């Protein structure tokens, strides 16, 4: 068990403390139901409620010190508990949480190589590629991302793409304890805006690309870009930024980071570039050109998608910075058969294939459809919807994209949450320019219809949910898997 003095945890962070500062703290929590005896409880404001409402519950469960940005609330706590509870007023609870977590766990990021990946699309695939390469080099690595977390021994559920700072730092501490030297983390724009990675020492930061997304949260493109930029602004001069030189946002990153920048590209001169030899439904053959090597590296990647070539280049550049040899890079990439829910292929005996993809932005949907058009002699049939309580401005753009690029489109429900699915579909239809679509609100019926009308040489793209095995309707999360639904539909055909 870890125990730290409260005074030690509070070092170098602005605060006003009332009560005993010399007490031992045996743990930190921001959820009241995780509080145990001798814990410090930090009240965070969430999306639907606030930790301030649960301060009494935390104290009853054993919290001996509480922290908040509300002077009024802390005064009430002080009075209610007759000065027996230490109160700490701080200006920024989320930054405070990250700061005390780092001190509690002795700054674990400094004891391993932490790789952060950010961008609108490609984070998950890039992280899986890097993981496979590092493991081909006979090294264990942790993984934090959209699909699962991996602690070097087992896979764990992923409640968020990037966990809260306390959970993130505790995860890194566990890796250090088990002598794991690497960790790969997807870093979402939400995490950056909410200071979930504040004060965490990334040795390498990877940028994939930038387009519009999450405007329901960030409100505008400027805020979204600023959030992404924070990862690179906070890098030290000894860190490395690995950047997509074909994306215009890279120029902004270079301007605002102290890290050494290493560029990869398909189109522009860079440290790592490529030539595509061929592209089929079974994968891609490319030659990789690295300025540090005289001969190109030939890779046969069993994953389709032009956009995945960028993800591969990001992974290769990362591996090169880590000084992993070329044979291990090749082995790590070529043994990959794909990533769950990322153009995940279901082969059928009917002459057509089905692809499950997480695409939930206009750019990602465009990438998925165009990738399939390159390998599909027949039609590309698209099934997609848009999530409820999320950016509604992208809905007509995604509708236009699907019907412009796809041959036939079935618009359906995704995760409607607390919105009416028909209202979401009406928003999608505002962007439609062609009459090559139909609406089937029930997702299971829509998927079955797409598979029933597919002919030999067609491809069916089921987009939006990818690896998810649930559908959120109202406040309920019910089991639903695009992969399982499509597989069963093929069996019934």
Protein backbone atom coordinates (compact mmCIF):
# COMPACT_ATOMS: atom_id res chain seq x y z
CA UNK A 1 0.00 0.00 0.00
CA UNK A 2 1.19 3.50 -0.86
CA UNK A 3 1.09 6.21 1.81
CA UNK A 4 2.16 9.81 1.30
CA UNK A 5 2.09 12.89 3.48
CA UNK A 6 -0.53 15.42 2.38
CA UNK A 7 2.09 18.18 2.43
CA UNK A 8 4.15 16.19 -0.08
CA UNK A 9 1.18 15.81 -2.44
CA UNK A 10 0.43 19.53 -2.35
CA UNK A 11 3.90 20.69 -3.33
CA UNK A 12 4.17 23.25 -6.14
CA UNK A 13 0.41 23.50 -6.69
CA UNK A 14 -1.47 26.67 -5.63
CA UNK A 15 -3.89 25.91 -2.81
CA UNK A 16 -5.36 27.12 0.45
CA UNK A 17 -5.53 24.48 3.17
CA UNK A 18 -7.53 24.54 6.37
CA UNK A 19 -6.84 21.79 8.90
CA UNK A 20 -4.10 19.21 9.37
CA UNK A 21 -1.53 19.18 6.55
CA UNK A 22 0.72 16.57 8.17
CA UNK A 23 -1.67 13.63 7.80
CA UNK A 24 -0.97 10.41 5.93
CA UNK A 25 -2.94 9.88 2.71
CA UNK A 26 -3.47 6.25 1.67
CA UNK A 27 -5.30 6.94 -1.58
CA UNK A 28 -6.91 9.49 -3.91
CA UNK A 29 -10.40 9.42 -5.41
CA UNK A 30 -12.68 11.60 -7.53
CA UNK A 31 -15.67 9.17 -7.32
CA UNK A 32 -17.21 8.96 -3.86
CA UNK A 33 -17.88 5.22 -4.22
CA UNK A 34 -14.14 4.61 -4.64
CA UNK A 35 -13.22 6.36 -1.41
CA UNK A 36 -11.68 4.32 1.42
CA UNK A 37 -10.23 5.17 4.81
CA UNK A 38 -7.63 7.95 4.87
CA UNK A 39 -8.36 9.06 1.30
CA UNK A 40 -8.14 12.48 -0.30
CA UNK A 41 -11.34 13.22 -2.25
CA UNK A 42 -11.22 15.71 -5.13
CA UNK A 43 -14.53 17.05 -6.43
CA UNK A 44 -14.62 17.26 -10.23
CA UNK A 45 -17.38 18.74 -12.36
CA UNK A 46 -18.62 16.12 -14.84
CA UNK A 47 -20.90 16.27 -17.88
CA UNK A 48 -24.08 15.29 -16.03
CA UNK A 49 -23.30 15.92 -12.36
CA UNK A 50 -20.63 17.29 -10.04
CA UNK A 51 -18.42 15.69 -7.44
CA UNK A 52 -19.38 18.58 -5.16
CA UNK A 53 -22.71 16.84 -4.58
CA UNK A 54 -20.96 13.75 -3.23
CA UNK A 55 -18.56 15.27 -0.76
CA UNK A 56 -20.60 14.13 2.25
CA UNK A 57 -20.76 10.60 0.81
CA UNK A 58 -16.98 10.62 0.37
CA UNK A 59 -16.42 11.71 3.98
CA UNK A 60 -18.77 9.01 5.26
CA UNK A 61 -16.75 6.43 3.33
CA UNK A 62 -13.46 7.53 4.90
CA UNK A 63 -12.15 10.68 3.22
CA UNK A 64 -10.09 12.71 5.69
CA UNK A 65 -9.29 15.54 3.28
CA UNK A 66 -11.42 17.08 0.52
CA UNK A 67 -10.54 19.45 -2.31
CA UNK A 68 -12.76 21.72 -4.40
CA UNK A 69 -12.77 25.02 -6.27
CA UNK A 70 -15.81 26.15 -4.21
CA UNK A 71 -14.91 28.23 -1.14
CA UNK A 72 -18.56 28.22 -0.03
CA UNK A 73 -18.83 24.43 -0.09
CA UNK A 74 -15.56 23.96 1.80
CA UNK A 75 -16.71 26.37 4.50
CA UNK A 76 -19.90 24.32 4.91
CA UNK A 77 -17.86 21.10 5.19
CA UNK A 78 -15.55 22.71 7.77
CA UNK A 79 -18.52 23.83 9.87
CA UNK A 80 -20.56 20.62 9.48
CA UNK A 81 -17.70 18.35 10.59
CA UNK A 82 -16.37 20.64 13.34
CA UNK A 83 -13.01 21.20 11.63
CA UNK A 84 -12.24 17.46 11.70
CA UNK A 85 -11.97 17.28 7.90
CA UNK A 86 -9.07 19.00 6.17
CA UNK A 87 -10.30 21.20 3.31
CA UNK A 88 -8.24 22.32 0.33
CA UNK A 89 -9.31 25.11 -1.98
CA UNK A 90 -7.73 24.84 -5.44
CA UNK A 91 -8.28 26.88 -8.63
CA UNK A 92 -8.36 23.93 -11.04
CA UNK A 93 -9.57 20.57 -9.68
CA UNK A 94 -8.61 18.58 -12.78
CA UNK A 95 -5.05 19.90 -12.87
CA UNK A 96 -4.86 19.35 -9.11
CA UNK A 97 -5.99 15.73 -9.54
CA UNK A 98 -3.22 15.12 -12.08
CA UNK A 99 -0.63 16.88 -9.94
CA UNK A 100 -1.34 14.95 -6.71
CA UNK A 101 -1.71 11.66 -8.62
CA UNK A 102 1.74 12.12 -10.12
CA UNK A 103 3.23 12.78 -6.69
CA UNK A 104 1.32 9.91 -5.09
CA UNK A 105 2.62 7.43 -7.70
CA UNK A 106 6.11 8.98 -8.02
CA UNK A 107 5.79 10.26 -11.60
CA UNK A 108 5.61 6.87 -13.37
CA UNK A 109 5.67 8.33 -16.90
CA UNK A 110 9.29 9.36 -16.30
CA UNK A 111 10.20 5.70 -15.74
CA UNK A 112 9.01 4.36 -19.09
CA UNK A 113 8.63 5.42 -22.72
CA UNK A 114 5.15 6.88 -23.08
CA UNK A 115 3.85 7.34 -26.63
CA UNK A 116 0.79 9.54 -27.17
CA UNK A 117 -1.23 9.50 -30.39
CA UNK A 118 -3.67 12.24 -31.29
CA UNK A 119 -5.63 13.27 -34.39
CA UNK A 120 -9.17 13.06 -35.68
CA UNK A 121 -8.83 9.63 -37.28
CA UNK A 122 -6.36 6.75 -37.19
CA UNK A 123 -5.39 6.80 -33.51
CA UNK A 124 -6.57 3.27 -32.76
CA UNK A 125 -5.09 1.61 -35.84
CA UNK A 126 -1.78 3.44 -35.37
CA UNK A 127 -1.64 2.37 -31.71
CA UNK A 128 -2.23 -1.28 -32.63
CA UNK A 129 0.48 -1.10 -35.29
CA UNK A 130 3.01 0.38 -32.87
CA UNK A 131 2.07 -2.22 -30.26
CA UNK A 132 2.63 -5.06 -32.75
CA UNK A 133 6.03 -3.67 -33.76
CA UNK A 134 7.22 -3.21 -30.15
CA UNK A 135 6.11 -6.75 -29.33
CA UNK A 136 7.92 -8.05 -32.41
CA UNK A 137 11.02 -6.49 -30.84
CA UNK A 138 10.41 -8.78 -27.81
CA UNK A 139 9.28 -5.97 -25.51
CA UNK A 140 6.05 -5.70 -23.56
CA UNK A 141 3.92 -2.59 -23.83
CA UNK A 142 0.82 -1.18 -22.22
CA UNK A 143 -2.02 0.22 -24.32
CA UNK A 144 -4.73 2.77 -23.57
CA UNK A 145 -7.32 3.45 -26.25
CA UNK A 146 -10.82 3.40 -27.65
CA UNK A 147 -11.30 -0.37 -27.90
CA UNK A 148 -9.49 -1.81 -24.86
CA UNK A 149 -6.78 -1.10 -22.34
CA UNK A 150 -3.89 -3.58 -22.09
CA UNK A 151 -1.72 -3.74 -18.97
CA UNK A 152 0.88 -6.14 -20.36
CA UNK A 153 -0.97 -9.19 -19.05
CA UNK A 154 -4.64 -8.85 -19.95
CA UNK A 155 -7.14 -6.68 -21.82
CA UNK A 156 -9.46 -4.46 -19.78
CA UNK A 157 -12.66 -2.54 -20.66
CA UNK A 158 -12.08 1.01 -21.92
CA UNK A 159 -14.62 3.43 -20.40
CA UNK A 160 -12.91 6.37 -22.15
CA UNK A 161 -10.45 6.62 -25.01
CA UNK A 162 -8.13 8.39 -22.56
CA UNK A 163 -8.81 7.81 -18.84
CA UNK A 164 -8.97 10.48 -16.14
CA UNK A 165 -5.51 11.56 -14.98
CA UNK A 166 -5.66 9.58 -11.71
CA UNK A 167 -6.57 6.36 -13.54
CA UNK A 168 -4.02 7.07 -16.28
CA UNK A 169 -1.19 7.62 -13.80
CA UNK A 170 -2.21 4.62 -11.67
CA UNK A 171 -2.16 2.50 -14.84
CA UNK A 172 1.36 3.70 -15.66
CA UNK A 173 2.43 2.98 -12.07
CA UNK A 174 1.19 -0.59 -12.49
CA UNK A 175 3.21 -0.97 -15.70
CA UNK A 176 6.36 0.27 -13.95
CA UNK A 177 5.71 -2.14 -11.07
CA UNK A 178 5.60 -5.02 -13.57
CA UNK A 179 8.77 -3.77 -15.31
CA UNK A 180 7.01 -2.85 -18.56
CA UNK A 181 9.04 -0.19 -20.32
CA UNK A 182 6.60 1.13 -22.95
CA UNK A 183 3.05 2.41 -23.07
CA UNK A 184 1.00 3.61 -26.05
CA UNK A 185 -1.95 5.89 -25.42
CA UNK A 186 -4.55 7.39 -27.68
CA UNK A 187 -5.00 10.98 -26.55
CA UNK A 188 -8.43 12.37 -27.35
CA UNK A 189 -9.33 16.03 -27.73
CA UNK A 190 -11.68 15.63 -24.75
CA UNK A 191 -8.77 14.38 -22.63
CA UNK A 192 -6.61 17.33 -23.63
CA UNK A 193 -9.35 19.90 -23.03
CA UNK A 194 -10.20 18.32 -19.65
CA UNK A 195 -6.55 18.13 -18.49
CA UNK A 196 -6.56 14.32 -18.22
CA UNK A 197 -2.93 14.25 -19.40
CA UNK A 198 -1.83 17.40 -17.56
CA UNK A 199 1.73 17.02 -16.24
CA UNK A 200 2.20 13.59 -17.84
CA UNK A 201 5.59 13.18 -19.50
CA UNK A 202 5.15 11.91 -23.06
CA UNK A 203 8.45 10.91 -24.67
CA UNK A 204 6.88 10.63 -28.14
CA UNK A 205 3.72 12.31 -29.49
CA UNK A 206 2.24 11.24 -32.82
CA UNK A 207 -0.09 13.35 -34.97
CA UNK A 208 -2.25 11.52 -37.52
CA UNK A 209 -4.52 14.14 -39.13
CA UNK A 210 -7.06 16.83 -38.36
CA UNK A 211 -10.60 17.39 -39.63
CA UNK A 212 -13.84 18.52 -37.96
CA UNK A 213 -15.13 16.44 -35.05
CA UNK A 214 -16.58 16.71 -31.54
CA UNK A 215 -17.93 20.22 -32.11
CA UNK A 216 -20.78 19.36 -29.74
CA UNK A 217 -18.13 19.44 -27.00
CA UNK A 218 -15.57 21.95 -28.29
CA UNK A 219 -18.22 24.33 -29.77
CA UNK A 220 -15.99 25.47 -32.63
CA UNK A 221 -13.07 24.38 -34.79
CA UNK A 222 -10.65 26.79 -33.09
CA UNK A 223 -11.20 25.15 -29.69
CA UNK A 224 -10.86 21.67 -31.21
CA UNK A 225 -7.55 22.58 -32.85
CA UNK A 226 -6.31 24.23 -29.66
CA UNK A 227 -7.06 21.06 -27.70
CA UNK A 228 -5.07 18.89 -30.11
CA UNK A 229 -2.19 21.35 -30.05
CA UNK A 230 -1.85 21.12 -26.24
CA UNK A 231 -0.23 17.68 -26.45
CA UNK A 232 2.66 19.10 -28.48
CA UNK A 233 2.91 22.39 -26.62
CA UNK A 234 3.55 20.46 -23.41
CA UNK A 235 6.35 18.28 -24.79
CA UNK A 236 9.83 18.82 -23.43
CA UNK A 237 12.81 19.59 -25.64
CA UNK A 238 14.00 15.99 -25.20
CA UNK A 239 10.72 14.58 -26.58
CA UNK A 240 9.94 13.74 -30.21
CA UNK A 241 6.91 14.84 -32.25
CA UNK A 242 6.06 12.52 -35.15
CA UNK A 243 3.97 14.45 -37.64
CA UNK A 244 1.95 13.86 -40.81
CA UNK A 245 3.59 16.22 -43.30
CA UNK A 246 0.61 15.98 -45.67
CA UNK A 247 -1.72 17.61 -43.15
CA UNK A 248 -1.75 21.43 -43.00
CA UNK A 249 -2.04 21.43 -39.20
CA UNK A 250 1.49 20.06 -38.90
CA UNK A 251 2.91 23.53 -39.61
CA UNK A 252 1.10 24.83 -36.51
CA UNK A 253 2.47 22.01 -34.38
CA UNK A 254 6.04 22.64 -35.53
CA UNK A 255 5.60 26.32 -34.67
CA UNK A 256 4.34 25.64 -31.13
CA UNK A 257 6.37 22.68 -29.87
CA UNK A 258 9.81 22.46 -28.25
CA UNK A 259 10.14 18.80 -29.26
CA UNK A 260 12.27 17.46 -32.07
CA UNK A 261 9.99 16.99 -35.10
CA UNK A 262 10.20 13.96 -37.39
CA UNK A 263 7.96 13.99 -40.47
CA UNK A 264 6.28 11.23 -42.46
CA UNK A 265 4.41 11.63 -45.73
CA UNK A 266 3.04 10.05 -48.89
CA UNK A 267 3.11 13.26 -50.96
CA UNK A 268 5.78 15.59 -49.55
CA UNK A 269 9.53 15.25 -48.85
CA UNK A 270 9.95 13.89 -45.30
CA UNK A 271 12.15 11.66 -43.17
CA UNK A 272 9.89 8.68 -43.89
CA UNK A 273 7.96 8.28 -47.17
CA UNK A 274 6.50 5.46 -49.25
CA UNK A 275 5.76 4.11 -52.70
CA UNK A 276 2.64 1.96 -53.14
CA UNK A 277 3.28 -1.07 -55.36
CA UNK A 278 -0.22 -2.56 -55.37
CA UNK A 279 -3.54 -2.44 -53.56
CA UNK A 280 -6.01 -5.35 -53.39
CA UNK A 281 -8.78 -6.59 -51.08
CA UNK A 282 -6.16 -8.75 -49.37
CA UNK A 283 -3.93 -5.81 -48.51
CA UNK A 284 -1.26 -3.40 -49.67
CA UNK A 285 2.33 -3.81 -50.82
CA UNK A 286 4.53 -0.76 -50.26
CA UNK A 287 8.16 0.29 -50.15
CA UNK A 288 9.16 2.48 -47.20
CA UNK A 289 11.92 5.03 -47.67
CA UNK A 290 13.68 6.23 -44.53
CA UNK A 291 16.36 8.91 -44.86
CA UNK A 292 18.44 7.10 -42.25
CA UNK A 293 18.60 3.91 -44.39
CA UNK A 294 20.06 3.34 -47.85
CA UNK A 295 17.64 0.62 -48.97
CA UNK A 296 13.82 0.75 -48.94
CA UNK A 297 11.88 -1.56 -46.65
CA UNK A 298 9.23 -3.67 -48.38
CA UNK A 299 6.02 -4.18 -46.40
CA UNK A 300 3.06 -6.39 -47.29
CA UNK A 301 0.27 -5.09 -45.07
CA UNK A 302 -2.82 -7.31 -44.75
CA UNK A 303 -4.98 -4.25 -44.09
CA UNK A 304 -6.76 -2.19 -46.76
CA UNK A 305 -7.32 1.56 -46.89
CA UNK A 306 -5.23 4.38 -48.32
CA UNK A 307 -5.60 6.14 -44.95
CA UNK A 308 -4.03 3.10 -43.28
CA UNK A 309 -0.83 3.76 -45.22
CA UNK A 310 -0.56 6.99 -43.23
CA UNK A 311 -1.18 5.05 -40.01
CA UNK A 312 1.53 2.58 -41.04
CA UNK A 313 3.99 5.41 -41.77
CA UNK A 314 3.28 6.94 -38.35
CA UNK A 315 3.95 3.57 -36.71
CA UNK A 316 7.14 2.96 -38.71
CA UNK A 317 8.46 6.45 -37.90
CA UNK A 318 7.73 5.87 -34.21
CA UNK A 319 9.54 2.53 -34.33
CA UNK A 320 12.51 4.16 -36.05
CA UNK A 321 12.72 6.78 -33.28
CA UNK A 322 12.61 3.91 -30.76
CA UNK A 323 15.55 2.36 -32.67
CA UNK A 324 13.66 -0.87 -33.42
CA UNK A 325 15.38 -2.66 -36.29
CA UNK A 326 13.81 -2.97 -39.73
CA UNK A 327 13.30 -6.74 -39.59
CA UNK A 328 11.25 -6.33 -36.41
CA UNK A 329 9.26 -3.46 -37.93
CA UNK A 330 8.45 -5.62 -40.94
CA UNK A 331 7.51 -8.60 -38.76
CA UNK A 332 5.32 -6.50 -36.48
CA UNK A 333 3.33 -5.00 -39.35
CA UNK A 334 3.04 -8.06 -41.56
CA UNK A 335 1.69 -10.30 -38.84
CA UNK A 336 -1.27 -7.97 -38.28
CA UNK A 337 -4.56 -9.14 -39.78
CA UNK A 338 -6.48 -5.99 -38.85
CA UNK A 339 -7.97 -4.02 -36.00
CA UNK A 340 -11.43 -4.74 -34.57
CA UNK A 341 -14.04 -2.51 -36.19
CA UNK A 342 -11.57 -0.78 -38.53
CA UNK A 343 -12.51 -1.93 -42.06
CA UNK A 344 -12.89 -5.34 -40.44
CA UNK A 345 -13.66 -7.80 -43.21
CA UNK A 346 -16.30 -10.53 -43.16
CA UNK A 347 -15.68 -12.85 -46.09
CA UNK A 348 -18.78 -14.51 -47.47
CA UNK A 349 -19.37 -17.41 -49.83
CA UNK A 350 -21.84 -15.29 -51.79
CA UNK A 351 -19.25 -13.42 -53.84
CA UNK A 352 -19.33 -10.19 -51.84
CA UNK A 353 -17.57 -9.00 -48.69
CA UNK A 354 -18.78 -7.02 -45.67
CA UNK A 355 -16.70 -4.41 -43.84
CA UNK A 356 -17.34 -3.13 -40.32
CA UNK A 357 -15.86 0.32 -39.68
CA UNK A 358 -15.91 2.88 -36.88
CA UNK A 359 -16.17 5.82 -39.31
CA UNK A 360 -18.28 8.48 -37.61
CA UNK A 361 -16.90 11.62 -39.26
CA UNK A 362 -17.22 12.84 -42.83
CA UNK A 363 -13.50 12.31 -43.48
CA UNK A 364 -13.44 8.81 -41.99
CA UNK A 365 -16.55 7.81 -43.96
CA UNK A 366 -14.99 9.18 -47.14
CA UNK A 367 -11.78 7.22 -46.46
CA UNK A 368 -13.70 3.98 -45.87
CA UNK A 369 -15.89 4.28 -48.99
CA UNK A 370 -12.99 5.30 -51.24
CA UNK A 371 -10.88 2.45 -49.89
CA UNK A 372 -13.59 -0.05 -50.83
CA UNK A 373 -14.17 1.52 -54.24
CA UNK A 374 -10.53 0.80 -55.10
CA UNK A 375 -10.99 -2.94 -54.56
CA UNK A 376 -14.66 -3.45 -55.44
CA UNK A 377 -15.61 -4.35 -59.04
CA UNK A 378 -19.32 -3.98 -58.24
CA UNK A 379 -21.23 -1.62 -55.98
CA UNK A 380 -20.32 -0.21 -52.59
CA UNK A 381 -23.44 -0.40 -50.41
CA UNK A 382 -23.26 1.82 -47.34
CA UNK A 383 -25.19 1.49 -44.07
CA UNK A 384 -24.68 4.36 -41.63
CA UNK A 385 -26.30 6.74 -39.16
CA UNK A 386 -25.17 9.49 -36.80
CA UNK A 387 -25.04 9.52 -33.01
CA UNK A 388 -27.50 11.47 -30.90
CA UNK A 389 -26.47 14.27 -28.51
CA UNK A 390 -23.40 14.83 -30.65
CA UNK A 391 -22.32 17.36 -33.29
CA UNK A 392 -25.41 17.78 -35.49
CA UNK A 393 -23.60 19.89 -38.09
CA UNK A 394 -21.72 16.88 -39.45
CA UNK A 395 -24.92 14.94 -40.18
CA UNK A 396 -25.81 16.53 -43.57
CA UNK A 397 -22.12 16.44 -44.58
CA UNK A 398 -21.95 12.72 -43.85
CA UNK A 399 -25.18 12.18 -45.77
CA UNK A 400 -23.79 13.99 -48.78
CA UNK A 401 -20.52 12.05 -48.53
CA UNK A 402 -22.27 8.66 -48.34
CA UNK A 403 -24.64 9.25 -51.26
CA UNK A 404 -21.99 10.96 -53.42
CA UNK A 405 -19.34 8.27 -53.00
CA UNK A 406 -21.48 5.19 -52.28
CA UNK A 407 -23.52 3.42 -54.94
CA UNK A 408 -26.46 2.70 -52.65
CA UNK A 409 -27.00 3.95 -49.12
CA UNK A 410 -29.23 2.82 -46.27
CA UNK A 411 -29.58 5.50 -43.61
CA UNK A 412 -30.34 4.09 -40.18
CA UNK A 413 -30.03 4.69 -36.45
CA UNK A 414 -26.64 4.69 -34.71
CA UNK A 415 -26.55 5.51 -30.98
CA UNK A 416 -29.53 7.88 -30.79
CA UNK A 417 -29.12 8.44 -27.05
CA UNK A 418 -31.74 10.98 -25.97
CA UNK A 419 -32.61 12.20 -29.47
CA UNK A 420 -35.36 10.93 -31.73
CA UNK A 421 -33.70 8.68 -34.38
CA UNK A 422 -36.00 10.08 -37.06
CA UNK A 423 -34.94 13.65 -36.22
CA UNK A 424 -31.29 12.61 -36.61
CA UNK A 425 -32.05 10.98 -39.96
CA UNK A 426 -33.89 14.13 -41.07
CA UNK A 427 -30.70 16.11 -40.37
CA UNK A 428 -28.70 13.63 -42.46
CA UNK A 429 -31.17 13.94 -45.35
CA UNK A 430 -30.66 17.72 -45.52
CA UNK A 431 -27.30 17.12 -47.19
CA UNK A 432 -28.39 14.54 -49.77
CA UNK A 433 -27.90 15.42 -53.43
CA UNK A 434 -28.71 12.06 -55.02
CA UNK A 435 -31.70 9.73 -54.84
CA UNK A 436 -29.68 6.54 -54.29
CA UNK A 437 -30.77 5.85 -50.73
CA UNK A 438 -33.50 4.60 -48.47
CA UNK A 439 -34.25 5.03 -44.77
CA UNK A 440 -34.60 2.04 -42.42
CA UNK A 441 -34.62 3.29 -38.85
CA UNK A 442 -34.03 -0.08 -37.16
CA UNK A 443 -30.30 -0.83 -37.49
CA UNK A 444 -30.67 -4.61 -37.49
CA UNK A 445 -33.21 -4.45 -40.32
CA UNK A 446 -31.02 -2.00 -42.25
CA UNK A 447 -27.99 -4.28 -42.04
CA UNK A 448 -30.03 -7.30 -43.12
CA UNK A 449 -31.47 -5.37 -46.08
CA UNK A 450 -27.99 -4.31 -47.26
CA UNK A 451 -26.79 -7.91 -47.14
CA UNK A 452 -29.92 -9.22 -48.89
CA UNK A 453 -29.46 -6.86 -51.86
CA UNK A 454 -25.69 -7.39 -52.18
CA UNK A 455 -24.59 -9.12 -55.38
CA UNK A 456 -21.33 -10.88 -56.31
CA UNK A 457 -18.44 -8.37 -56.57
CA UNK A 458 -20.20 -5.87 -54.25
CA UNK A 459 -18.90 -4.59 -50.92
CA UNK A 460 -21.13 -3.75 -47.97
CA UNK A 461 -19.83 -1.08 -45.59
CA UNK A 462 -21.48 -0.90 -42.16
CA UNK A 463 -20.16 2.33 -40.66
CA UNK A 464 -20.33 4.24 -37.42
CA UNK A 465 -20.07 1.78 -34.54
CA UNK A 466 -17.15 -0.45 -35.43
CA UNK A 467 -15.97 -2.47 -32.42
CA UNK A 468 -18.85 -1.36 -30.18
CA UNK A 469 -21.08 -4.15 -28.90
CA UNK A 470 -23.91 -1.94 -27.72
CA UNK A 471 -26.46 0.61 -28.85
CA UNK A 472 -27.41 3.55 -26.64
CA UNK A 473 -31.13 4.29 -26.80
CA UNK A 474 -32.30 6.88 -24.30
CA UNK A 475 -30.29 6.24 -21.16
CA UNK A 476 -30.08 2.50 -21.76
CA UNK A 477 -27.16 0.61 -23.25
CA UNK A 478 -28.40 -2.55 -24.98
CA UNK A 479 -26.34 -5.28 -26.63
CA UNK A 480 -25.84 -4.72 -30.33
CA UNK A 481 -22.89 -5.74 -32.51
CA UNK A 482 -22.66 -4.74 -36.18
CA UNK A 483 -20.27 -7.64 -36.71
CA UNK A 484 -22.56 -10.24 -35.14
CA UNK A 485 -25.64 -8.82 -36.85
CA UNK A 486 -23.95 -8.91 -40.28
CA UNK A 487 -22.53 -12.38 -39.73
CA UNK A 488 -25.94 -13.75 -38.74
CA UNK A 489 -27.61 -12.05 -41.69
CA UNK A 490 -25.21 -13.77 -44.08
CA UNK A 491 -26.01 -17.12 -42.50
CA UNK A 492 -29.73 -16.50 -43.05
CA UNK A 493 -29.39 -15.41 -46.67
